[in-house]
N, C-alpha and C. Protein backbone atom coordinates (compact mmCIF):
# COMPACT_ATOMS: atom_id res chain seq x y z
N MET A 1 0.55 -0.89 -0.29
CA MET A 1 0.12 -0.19 -0.03
C MET A 1 1.07 1.16 -0.13
N LEU A 2 0.57 2.00 -0.77
CA LEU A 2 1.52 3.53 -0.89
C LEU A 2 0.98 4.51 0.08
N THR A 3 1.68 4.95 1.16
CA THR A 3 1.03 5.92 1.56
C THR A 3 2.11 7.77 1.51
N MET A 4 1.93 8.25 2.08
CA MET A 4 2.79 10.03 2.27
C MET A 4 4.09 9.28 1.78
N LYS A 5 4.90 8.35 2.56
CA LYS A 5 5.92 8.33 2.61
C LYS A 5 6.83 7.66 1.24
N ASP A 6 5.29 7.36 0.20
CA ASP A 6 6.20 7.09 -1.38
C ASP A 6 5.93 8.62 -2.20
N ILE A 7 5.31 9.13 -1.31
CA ILE A 7 5.42 10.15 -2.62
C ILE A 7 6.56 10.92 -2.50
N ILE A 8 7.10 11.70 -3.58
CA ILE A 8 8.22 12.52 -3.75
C ILE A 8 7.31 14.07 -3.85
N ARG A 9 8.36 14.56 -3.03
CA ARG A 9 8.17 16.28 -2.40
C ARG A 9 8.80 17.10 -3.79
N ASP A 10 8.46 18.27 -3.84
CA ASP A 10 8.68 19.70 -4.45
C ASP A 10 9.69 19.86 -4.93
N GLY A 11 10.50 19.94 -5.51
CA GLY A 11 12.41 19.85 -5.88
C GLY A 11 12.98 18.55 -5.81
N HIS A 12 12.38 17.54 -6.10
CA HIS A 12 12.55 16.36 -6.42
C HIS A 12 13.05 16.20 -7.67
N PRO A 13 13.80 15.84 -8.42
CA PRO A 13 14.36 15.84 -10.45
C PRO A 13 13.06 15.39 -10.76
N THR A 14 12.93 14.06 -10.29
CA THR A 14 11.85 13.26 -11.08
C THR A 14 10.45 14.40 -11.58
N LEU A 15 10.09 15.02 -11.03
CA LEU A 15 8.75 15.59 -10.71
C LEU A 15 9.13 16.58 -12.35
N ARG A 16 10.59 17.30 -12.20
CA ARG A 16 10.62 18.08 -13.34
C ARG A 16 11.08 17.39 -15.06
N GLU A 17 11.05 16.09 -14.67
CA GLU A 17 11.56 15.21 -16.48
C GLU A 17 10.37 15.12 -17.02
N LYS A 18 10.54 15.09 -18.25
CA LYS A 18 9.34 14.81 -19.03
C LYS A 18 9.28 13.01 -18.92
N ALA A 19 8.38 12.92 -18.45
CA ALA A 19 8.08 11.12 -18.34
C ALA A 19 8.22 10.33 -19.84
N LYS A 20 8.35 8.81 -19.88
CA LYS A 20 8.49 7.70 -20.77
C LYS A 20 7.38 7.40 -21.10
N ASP A 21 7.36 7.36 -22.55
CA ASP A 21 6.00 6.50 -22.73
C ASP A 21 6.18 4.97 -21.88
N VAL A 22 4.97 4.55 -21.84
CA VAL A 22 5.07 3.14 -21.12
C VAL A 22 4.44 1.88 -22.24
N THR A 23 5.30 0.79 -22.57
CA THR A 23 5.30 -0.14 -23.45
C THR A 23 4.19 -0.89 -23.28
N LEU A 24 3.61 -1.46 -24.18
CA LEU A 24 2.46 -1.76 -24.54
C LEU A 24 2.32 -3.66 -24.52
N PRO A 25 2.01 -4.21 -24.54
CA PRO A 25 0.85 -4.54 -23.71
C PRO A 25 1.56 -4.46 -21.97
N LEU A 26 0.57 -3.71 -20.84
CA LEU A 26 1.60 -3.60 -19.77
C LEU A 26 2.37 -4.76 -19.18
N SER A 27 3.31 -4.60 -18.87
CA SER A 27 3.82 -5.25 -18.08
C SER A 27 3.29 -5.42 -15.98
N GLU A 28 3.29 -6.57 -15.92
CA GLU A 28 2.93 -7.52 -14.52
C GLU A 28 3.16 -5.70 -13.48
N GLU A 29 4.54 -4.89 -13.86
CA GLU A 29 4.78 -4.28 -12.11
C GLU A 29 3.98 -2.77 -12.50
N ASP A 30 3.74 -2.46 -14.08
CA ASP A 30 2.95 -1.32 -14.34
C ASP A 30 1.43 -1.39 -13.94
N ARG A 31 1.11 -2.37 -14.02
CA ARG A 31 -0.36 -2.68 -13.38
C ARG A 31 -0.69 -2.34 -12.43
N ASN A 32 0.15 -2.87 -11.53
CA ASN A 32 0.13 -3.25 -10.14
C ASN A 32 0.26 -1.63 -9.31
N THR A 33 1.52 -0.61 -10.64
CA THR A 33 1.49 0.17 -10.01
C THR A 33 0.21 0.98 -10.07
N LEU A 34 0.21 1.17 -11.75
CA LEU A 34 -1.62 2.22 -11.53
C LEU A 34 -2.46 1.56 -10.28
N LEU A 35 -2.49 0.34 -10.39
CA LEU A 35 -3.76 -0.51 -9.41
C LEU A 35 -3.12 0.52 -8.01
N ALA A 36 -1.70 0.33 -7.67
CA ALA A 36 -1.54 1.01 -6.19
C ALA A 36 -1.48 2.51 -5.87
N MET A 37 -1.39 3.15 -7.03
CA MET A 37 -1.60 4.43 -6.99
C MET A 37 -3.62 5.08 -6.78
N ARG A 38 -4.30 4.12 -7.82
CA ARG A 38 -5.99 4.58 -7.69
C ARG A 38 -6.12 3.81 -6.29
N GLU A 39 -5.74 2.35 -5.60
CA GLU A 39 -5.71 2.32 -4.52
C GLU A 39 -5.48 3.41 -3.22
N PHE A 40 -4.08 4.42 -3.47
CA PHE A 40 -4.00 5.27 -2.49
C PHE A 40 -4.70 6.48 -2.97
N LEU A 41 -6.06 6.73 -4.37
CA LEU A 41 -6.48 7.67 -4.09
C LEU A 41 -8.20 7.02 -3.37
N ILE A 42 -8.07 6.03 -3.14
CA ILE A 42 -9.49 5.43 -2.71
C ILE A 42 -9.55 6.20 -1.43
N ASN A 43 -7.90 5.42 -0.86
CA ASN A 43 -7.22 5.34 0.97
C ASN A 43 -7.66 6.80 1.26
N SER A 44 -6.82 8.08 0.14
CA SER A 44 -6.96 8.42 0.76
C SER A 44 -8.33 9.92 1.13
N GLN A 45 -9.28 9.41 0.19
CA GLN A 45 -10.86 9.81 0.73
C GLN A 45 -11.03 9.28 1.91
N ASP A 46 -11.24 8.33 2.25
CA ASP A 46 -11.66 7.19 3.00
C ASP A 46 -11.22 7.75 4.68
N ASP A 47 -11.73 8.90 5.83
CA ASP A 47 -11.33 9.04 6.27
C ASP A 47 -10.76 8.37 8.07
N GLU A 48 -11.30 7.33 7.32
CA GLU A 48 -11.19 6.12 8.55
C GLU A 48 -9.38 6.00 8.63
N ILE A 49 -9.60 5.59 7.11
CA ILE A 49 -7.84 4.87 6.44
C ILE A 49 -6.96 6.06 6.45
N ALA A 50 -7.47 7.25 5.88
CA ALA A 50 -6.22 8.06 5.96
C ALA A 50 -6.20 8.68 7.30
N THR A 51 -6.67 9.01 8.70
CA THR A 51 -6.32 9.10 9.13
C THR A 51 -4.98 7.90 10.36
N LYS A 52 -5.99 6.85 9.72
CA LYS A 52 -4.82 5.40 10.10
C LYS A 52 -3.55 5.69 9.87
N TYR A 53 -3.16 6.10 8.51
CA TYR A 53 -2.15 6.21 7.90
C TYR A 53 -1.43 7.62 7.71
N GLY A 54 -2.04 8.61 8.09
CA GLY A 54 -1.70 9.59 7.56
C GLY A 54 -1.78 10.29 5.89
N LEU A 55 -2.23 10.04 5.74
CA LEU A 55 -2.82 10.41 3.98
C LEU A 55 -3.81 11.56 3.70
N ARG A 56 -2.85 12.52 3.03
CA ARG A 56 -3.49 13.45 2.56
C ARG A 56 -4.38 13.37 1.59
N SER A 57 -5.30 13.35 1.50
CA SER A 57 -6.55 13.51 0.31
C SER A 57 -5.98 14.49 -1.33
N GLY A 58 -6.06 13.20 -1.96
CA GLY A 58 -6.12 13.22 -3.75
C GLY A 58 -7.05 12.35 -3.63
N VAL A 59 -7.57 13.37 -5.48
CA VAL A 59 -8.05 12.70 -6.41
C VAL A 59 -7.48 12.71 -7.68
N GLY A 60 -5.80 13.03 -7.81
CA GLY A 60 -5.23 12.46 -8.80
C GLY A 60 -3.93 11.88 -8.95
N LEU A 61 -3.79 11.38 -9.24
CA LEU A 61 -1.89 10.40 -8.89
C LEU A 61 -0.93 10.43 -10.49
N ALA A 62 0.25 11.08 -10.52
CA ALA A 62 1.00 10.43 -11.57
C ALA A 62 1.83 10.07 -10.91
N ALA A 63 2.08 8.93 -12.05
CA ALA A 63 3.41 8.17 -11.71
C ALA A 63 4.90 8.58 -11.39
N PRO A 64 5.10 9.85 -11.68
CA PRO A 64 6.29 10.91 -11.24
C PRO A 64 6.36 11.38 -10.05
N GLN A 65 5.36 11.00 -9.62
CA GLN A 65 4.81 11.09 -8.28
C GLN A 65 5.00 10.39 -6.99
N ILE A 66 5.22 9.24 -7.79
CA ILE A 66 5.84 8.24 -6.57
C ILE A 66 7.28 7.72 -7.44
N ASN A 67 8.33 8.65 -8.02
CA ASN A 67 9.22 8.55 -8.50
C ASN A 67 9.05 7.41 -9.51
N ILE A 68 8.80 7.24 -10.51
CA ILE A 68 8.15 6.80 -11.14
C ILE A 68 7.92 7.49 -12.47
N SER A 69 8.81 7.64 -13.53
CA SER A 69 9.27 8.44 -14.61
C SER A 69 8.57 7.74 -15.70
N LYS A 70 7.13 7.44 -15.45
CA LYS A 70 6.45 6.90 -16.56
C LYS A 70 5.55 7.74 -17.11
N LYS A 71 5.10 7.70 -18.15
CA LYS A 71 3.48 8.09 -18.72
C LYS A 71 2.04 7.24 -17.79
N MET A 72 2.16 7.20 -16.57
CA MET A 72 0.64 6.88 -16.71
C MET A 72 -0.11 7.96 -15.03
N ILE A 73 -1.55 7.50 -15.26
CA ILE A 73 -2.11 8.94 -13.98
C ILE A 73 -3.67 7.84 -13.89
N ALA A 74 -3.41 8.26 -12.09
CA ALA A 74 -4.80 7.71 -12.04
C ALA A 74 -5.19 8.73 -10.89
N VAL A 75 -7.09 8.46 -11.65
CA VAL A 75 -8.09 9.60 -10.95
C VAL A 75 -9.31 9.17 -10.67
N TYR A 76 -9.37 9.71 -9.33
CA TYR A 76 -10.81 8.50 -8.47
C TYR A 76 -11.36 9.81 -7.67
N LEU A 77 -12.13 10.17 -8.62
CA LEU A 77 -13.55 11.12 -8.60
C LEU A 77 -14.98 10.95 -8.59
N PRO A 78 -14.95 10.38 -7.16
CA PRO A 78 -16.90 9.69 -6.89
C PRO A 78 -17.73 10.70 -6.88
N ASP A 79 -17.87 11.83 -7.15
CA ASP A 79 -18.52 12.75 -7.06
C ASP A 79 -18.05 14.35 -7.78
N ASP A 80 -17.95 14.54 -9.19
CA ASP A 80 -17.76 15.63 -9.52
C ASP A 80 -18.28 17.04 -9.33
N GLY A 81 -19.35 16.73 -8.39
CA GLY A 81 -20.39 18.10 -8.60
C GLY A 81 -21.59 17.87 -8.81
N ASN A 82 -21.46 17.96 -10.11
CA ASN A 82 -22.78 16.72 -11.12
C ASN A 82 -22.93 15.50 -11.47
N GLY A 83 -22.91 14.82 -10.64
CA GLY A 83 -23.39 13.66 -9.91
C GLY A 83 -22.48 12.60 -10.70
N LYS A 84 -21.91 12.71 -11.47
CA LYS A 84 -20.78 12.01 -11.98
C LYS A 84 -19.94 11.64 -11.14
N SER A 85 -19.18 9.99 -11.62
CA SER A 85 -17.89 10.00 -10.88
C SER A 85 -17.04 9.13 -12.15
N TYR A 86 -15.54 9.19 -11.74
CA TYR A 86 -14.35 9.11 -12.58
C TYR A 86 -14.02 8.32 -11.75
N ASP A 87 -13.40 6.63 -12.22
CA ASP A 87 -12.50 5.68 -11.62
C ASP A 87 -11.32 5.68 -13.04
N LEU A 88 -10.34 6.34 -13.03
CA LEU A 88 -9.39 6.36 -14.51
C LEU A 88 -7.98 5.88 -13.97
N MET A 89 -7.02 4.82 -14.81
CA MET A 89 -6.41 4.48 -14.58
C MET A 89 -6.10 4.78 -16.46
N LEU A 90 -5.05 6.05 -16.46
CA LEU A 90 -4.72 5.85 -17.97
C LEU A 90 -3.02 5.80 -18.56
N VAL A 91 -3.20 5.15 -19.12
CA VAL A 91 -1.68 5.43 -19.98
C VAL A 91 -1.41 6.16 -20.69
N ASN A 92 0.12 6.37 -21.21
CA ASN A 92 0.14 7.18 -22.48
C ASN A 92 -0.97 8.90 -22.45
N PRO A 93 -1.45 8.87 -21.51
CA PRO A 93 -2.42 9.50 -22.09
C PRO A 93 -2.11 11.25 -22.76
N LYS A 94 -2.78 11.82 -23.75
CA LYS A 94 -2.75 13.41 -24.40
C LYS A 94 -3.74 13.94 -24.45
N ILE A 95 -3.54 14.95 -24.82
CA ILE A 95 -4.91 15.52 -24.32
C ILE A 95 -4.22 15.79 -26.26
N MET A 96 -5.44 15.69 -27.09
CA MET A 96 -5.79 15.91 -28.44
C MET A 96 -6.98 16.98 -28.67
N SER A 97 -7.03 17.54 -27.93
CA SER A 97 -7.91 19.15 -28.46
C SER A 97 -8.53 19.39 -26.56
N HIS A 98 -8.64 20.84 -27.32
CA HIS A 98 -9.08 21.69 -25.56
C HIS A 98 -10.16 22.64 -26.17
N SER A 99 -10.92 22.99 -25.60
CA SER A 99 -11.82 24.23 -25.42
C SER A 99 -10.51 25.20 -25.83
N ILE A 100 -11.44 26.57 -26.42
CA ILE A 100 -10.39 27.89 -25.96
C ILE A 100 -10.88 28.70 -24.30
N GLN A 101 -12.07 27.84 -23.65
CA GLN A 101 -11.83 28.34 -22.61
C GLN A 101 -11.90 27.68 -21.92
N GLU A 102 -11.37 29.12 -20.43
CA GLU A 102 -10.32 28.03 -19.88
C GLU A 102 -11.88 28.10 -18.57
N ALA A 103 -10.87 27.34 -17.67
CA ALA A 103 -11.36 27.44 -16.37
C ALA A 103 -10.40 27.54 -15.16
N TYR A 104 -11.46 27.34 -14.29
CA TYR A 104 -10.01 28.10 -12.62
C TYR A 104 -10.95 26.76 -11.25
N LEU A 105 -9.98 26.39 -10.67
CA LEU A 105 -10.92 26.75 -8.62
C LEU A 105 -10.76 27.82 -8.42
N PRO A 106 -11.41 28.53 -7.84
CA PRO A 106 -11.56 29.42 -7.10
C PRO A 106 -10.87 29.75 -5.51
N THR A 107 -10.02 28.22 -5.30
CA THR A 107 -9.06 28.00 -4.22
C THR A 107 -7.99 27.38 -4.79
N GLY A 108 -7.75 27.88 -5.66
CA GLY A 108 -6.27 27.32 -6.47
C GLY A 108 -6.38 25.90 -6.28
N GLU A 109 -5.40 25.55 -6.40
CA GLU A 109 -4.85 23.55 -6.95
C GLU A 109 -3.61 23.25 -5.38
N GLY A 110 -3.77 22.56 -5.25
CA GLY A 110 -3.20 21.74 -4.64
C GLY A 110 -2.36 20.29 -5.50
N CYS A 111 -1.34 19.77 -4.28
CA CYS A 111 -0.64 19.07 -4.52
C CYS A 111 -0.07 17.51 -3.90
N LEU A 112 0.11 16.71 -4.05
CA LEU A 112 0.54 15.67 -3.19
C LEU A 112 1.94 16.20 -3.22
N SER A 113 2.13 16.56 -4.05
CA SER A 113 3.69 17.05 -3.88
C SER A 113 4.86 17.53 -3.83
N VAL A 114 3.42 18.29 -3.39
CA VAL A 114 4.11 19.75 -2.64
C VAL A 114 3.34 20.20 -1.56
N ASP A 115 3.71 20.17 -0.25
CA ASP A 115 3.53 20.80 1.31
C ASP A 115 3.16 21.88 1.57
N GLU A 116 3.39 22.81 1.21
CA GLU A 116 3.22 24.28 1.24
C GLU A 116 1.56 25.29 0.84
N ASN A 117 1.17 25.95 1.30
CA ASN A 117 -0.51 25.93 0.31
C ASN A 117 0.29 27.28 -0.38
N ILE A 118 0.02 26.90 -1.93
CA ILE A 118 0.34 28.21 -2.93
C ILE A 118 -0.46 28.82 -3.47
N PRO A 119 -0.74 30.25 -2.94
CA PRO A 119 -2.01 31.12 -3.63
C PRO A 119 -1.92 31.56 -5.21
N GLY A 120 -2.87 31.06 -5.86
CA GLY A 120 -3.74 31.71 -7.33
C GLY A 120 -3.85 31.14 -7.73
N LEU A 121 -4.13 31.44 -8.91
CA LEU A 121 -5.25 30.90 -9.96
C LEU A 121 -4.58 29.96 -10.86
N VAL A 122 -4.88 28.65 -11.54
CA VAL A 122 -4.75 28.30 -12.11
C VAL A 122 -5.47 28.07 -13.49
N HIS A 123 -4.66 29.17 -14.31
CA HIS A 123 -6.06 28.24 -16.11
C HIS A 123 -5.73 27.62 -16.23
N ARG A 124 -7.07 26.47 -17.07
CA ARG A 124 -7.21 25.46 -16.92
C ARG A 124 -7.77 25.40 -18.18
N LYS A 125 -7.87 24.21 -19.87
CA LYS A 125 -9.09 24.78 -20.87
C LYS A 125 -10.13 24.07 -19.61
N ASN A 126 -11.36 24.81 -19.66
CA ASN A 126 -12.73 23.78 -19.33
C ASN A 126 -12.80 22.50 -20.14
N ARG A 127 -12.52 22.68 -21.48
CA ARG A 127 -13.27 20.99 -21.95
C ARG A 127 -11.28 20.43 -22.63
N ILE A 128 -11.21 19.23 -22.54
CA ILE A 128 -10.22 18.47 -23.17
C ILE A 128 -10.92 17.39 -23.73
N THR A 129 -10.41 16.64 -24.63
CA THR A 129 -10.92 15.44 -25.26
C THR A 129 -8.80 14.93 -24.79
N VAL A 130 -8.59 13.57 -23.96
CA VAL A 130 -7.91 12.79 -24.30
C VAL A 130 -8.19 11.26 -24.62
N LYS A 131 -6.78 11.16 -25.06
CA LYS A 131 -6.38 9.85 -25.68
C LYS A 131 -5.67 9.23 -25.03
N ALA A 132 -6.00 7.60 -25.14
CA ALA A 132 -5.03 6.95 -23.80
C ALA A 132 -5.12 5.87 -23.62
N THR A 133 -4.67 4.99 -23.36
CA THR A 133 -4.66 3.19 -23.04
C THR A 133 -5.30 2.78 -21.80
N ASP A 134 -6.40 1.71 -21.40
CA ASP A 134 -7.18 1.87 -20.21
C ASP A 134 -5.91 0.17 -19.56
N ILE A 135 -5.79 0.14 -18.62
CA ILE A 135 -4.76 -0.75 -17.47
C ILE A 135 -5.30 -2.09 -17.91
N ASP A 136 -6.51 -2.19 -18.78
CA ASP A 136 -6.99 -3.60 -19.62
C ASP A 136 -6.30 -3.43 -21.14
N GLY A 137 -5.34 -2.44 -21.37
CA GLY A 137 -5.00 -2.37 -23.08
C GLY A 137 -5.86 -1.83 -23.99
N LYS A 138 -7.06 -1.34 -23.38
CA LYS A 138 -7.60 -0.78 -24.39
C LYS A 138 -7.69 0.88 -24.22
N GLU A 139 -7.60 1.43 -26.32
CA GLU A 139 -7.39 2.77 -26.24
C GLU A 139 -9.29 3.31 -26.10
N VAL A 140 -8.54 4.37 -25.22
CA VAL A 140 -9.74 5.32 -24.81
C VAL A 140 -9.99 6.37 -25.09
N LYS A 141 -11.02 7.28 -25.33
CA LYS A 141 -11.09 8.66 -26.06
C LYS A 141 -11.63 8.94 -25.10
N LEU A 142 -11.68 10.23 -24.14
CA LEU A 142 -12.10 10.76 -23.74
C LEU A 142 -12.55 12.36 -23.26
N ARG A 143 -13.53 12.84 -22.96
CA ARG A 143 -14.61 14.41 -23.15
C ARG A 143 -14.89 14.62 -22.22
N LEU A 144 -13.72 15.30 -21.43
CA LEU A 144 -14.25 16.16 -19.74
C LEU A 144 -14.78 17.76 -20.06
N LYS A 145 -14.95 17.79 -19.00
CA LYS A 145 -14.82 19.54 -18.92
C LYS A 145 -15.19 19.79 -17.55
N GLY A 146 -14.53 20.55 -16.97
CA GLY A 146 -14.79 21.25 -15.86
C GLY A 146 -14.23 20.76 -14.65
N TYR A 147 -14.66 20.51 -13.89
CA TYR A 147 -13.26 19.74 -12.75
C TYR A 147 -12.82 18.45 -13.08
N PRO A 148 -13.34 17.74 -13.65
CA PRO A 148 -12.78 16.32 -14.20
C PRO A 148 -11.68 17.05 -15.13
N ALA A 149 -11.70 17.77 -15.81
CA ALA A 149 -10.93 18.07 -16.75
C ALA A 149 -9.46 19.36 -16.32
N VAL A 150 -10.23 19.67 -15.06
CA VAL A 150 -8.90 20.48 -14.08
C VAL A 150 -8.00 19.30 -13.83
N VAL A 151 -8.39 17.93 -13.25
CA VAL A 151 -8.02 17.20 -12.17
C VAL A 151 -6.84 16.34 -13.52
N VAL A 152 -7.24 16.21 -14.39
CA VAL A 152 -6.73 15.30 -15.43
C VAL A 152 -5.78 16.18 -16.28
N GLN A 153 -6.44 17.43 -16.54
CA GLN A 153 -4.67 18.18 -17.22
C GLN A 153 -3.36 18.37 -15.83
N HIS A 154 -3.99 18.38 -14.70
CA HIS A 154 -3.25 18.62 -13.42
C HIS A 154 -1.90 17.67 -13.07
N GLU A 155 -2.82 16.01 -14.02
CA GLU A 155 -1.84 14.68 -13.41
C GLU A 155 -1.70 14.58 -15.05
N ILE A 156 -1.90 15.18 -16.26
CA ILE A 156 -0.98 15.43 -17.33
C ILE A 156 0.61 16.33 -17.26
N ASP A 157 0.29 17.78 -16.48
CA ASP A 157 1.36 18.27 -15.88
C ASP A 157 2.12 17.35 -15.25
N HIS A 158 2.43 16.81 -14.09
CA HIS A 158 2.84 16.00 -13.84
C HIS A 158 4.13 15.28 -14.83
N ILE A 159 3.43 14.44 -15.80
CA ILE A 159 4.31 13.41 -16.98
C ILE A 159 5.11 14.09 -17.75
N ASN A 160 4.98 15.26 -17.69
CA ASN A 160 5.47 16.27 -18.84
C ASN A 160 6.40 17.29 -17.88
N GLY A 161 6.28 17.38 -16.90
CA GLY A 161 7.17 18.10 -15.57
C GLY A 161 6.68 19.15 -15.31
N ILE A 162 5.55 19.47 -15.52
CA ILE A 162 4.63 20.91 -15.07
C ILE A 162 4.23 21.37 -13.94
N MET A 163 4.40 21.71 -13.26
CA MET A 163 4.33 21.97 -11.69
C MET A 163 2.45 22.62 -11.77
N PHE A 164 2.01 22.72 -10.78
CA PHE A 164 0.31 23.59 -11.27
C PHE A 164 1.05 25.04 -11.17
N TYR A 165 1.78 25.05 -10.11
CA TYR A 165 2.02 26.31 -9.86
C TYR A 165 2.56 26.98 -10.90
N ASP A 166 3.26 26.67 -12.10
CA ASP A 166 4.07 27.86 -12.81
C ASP A 166 2.69 28.59 -14.00
N HIS A 167 1.80 27.51 -13.83
CA HIS A 167 0.69 28.28 -14.36
C HIS A 167 -0.10 29.33 -13.89
N ILE A 168 0.56 29.92 -12.39
CA ILE A 168 0.13 31.20 -11.88
C ILE A 168 0.61 32.10 -12.02
N ASP A 169 0.11 33.51 -13.01
CA ASP A 169 0.25 34.32 -12.96
C ASP A 169 1.01 35.03 -11.93
N PRO A 170 2.82 35.10 -12.03
CA PRO A 170 3.18 36.66 -10.80
C PRO A 170 2.68 37.25 -10.39
N ASN A 171 2.08 37.64 -11.52
CA ASN A 171 1.64 39.83 -11.41
C ASN A 171 0.30 39.79 -10.56
N ASN A 172 0.03 38.64 -11.07
CA ASN A 172 -1.74 38.96 -10.51
C ASN A 172 -2.40 37.21 -10.67
N PRO A 173 -1.73 36.80 -9.39
CA PRO A 173 -2.04 35.66 -9.13
C PRO A 173 -3.66 35.36 -8.78
N LEU A 174 -4.51 36.56 -8.39
CA LEU A 174 -5.50 35.88 -8.16
C LEU A 174 -6.78 36.45 -8.65
N GLN A 175 -6.43 36.80 -10.21
CA GLN A 175 -6.98 37.77 -11.65
C GLN A 175 -7.50 36.58 -12.18
N PRO A 176 -8.82 36.27 -12.15
CA PRO A 176 -9.59 35.58 -13.25
C PRO A 176 -9.10 35.98 -15.02
N HIS A 177 -8.93 34.90 -15.36
CA HIS A 177 -8.98 35.27 -17.12
C HIS A 177 -10.03 36.06 -17.35
N ASN A 178 -10.24 36.72 -18.81
CA ASN A 178 -10.93 36.89 -18.59
C ASN A 178 -12.25 36.47 -19.29
N ASP A 179 -13.09 35.69 -19.36
CA ASP A 179 -14.26 34.59 -19.81
C ASP A 179 -13.68 33.63 -19.02
N ALA A 180 -12.79 32.82 -18.36
CA ALA A 180 -12.66 31.75 -17.66
C ALA A 180 -13.46 31.21 -15.98
N VAL A 181 -14.12 30.39 -16.10
CA VAL A 181 -14.98 29.94 -15.40
C VAL A 181 -15.02 28.97 -14.64
N GLU A 182 -15.60 29.56 -13.47
CA GLU A 182 -15.43 29.45 -12.17
C GLU A 182 -15.47 27.30 -11.53
N VAL A 183 -14.70 26.81 -11.78
CA VAL A 183 -15.57 25.05 -11.42
C VAL A 183 -14.84 24.41 -10.01
């Protein structure tokens, strides 16, 4: 079981590397890594388990955050606020298209690899289409909007060596862009 001690923190060089493509079909090791990442997210959202093991709550995790420089992400969103749930384990995810309209979380973003609170709005695309391979080796195409789109973009940034705070405008950190929507 993954715990907070398995998650590398800001400043670790792996977090700034561009992760490597994952060879398909998935090896047993890569499958197990994805399953462990998903399990961490589920456990982190369970108050009892999270308290017992000192887990910070998370909705997404990328393999580089556990010091594995491979293009694998897990997202576990039992409720996106609109009655939809997302349980994703994606390999080699790639954003194929996106909206012009931007979205942001009004409270800013957090990250399991960043211990301090970094104030500022992170503008991302409100709608994205992602192509990836799932844990069973099937090609998937996902159309995401709002909060789930923001979460997936945050994780895809991790596999590209980008941290959420790289998107914060240092001159106007709390200023929403024109036409950007709050999610």
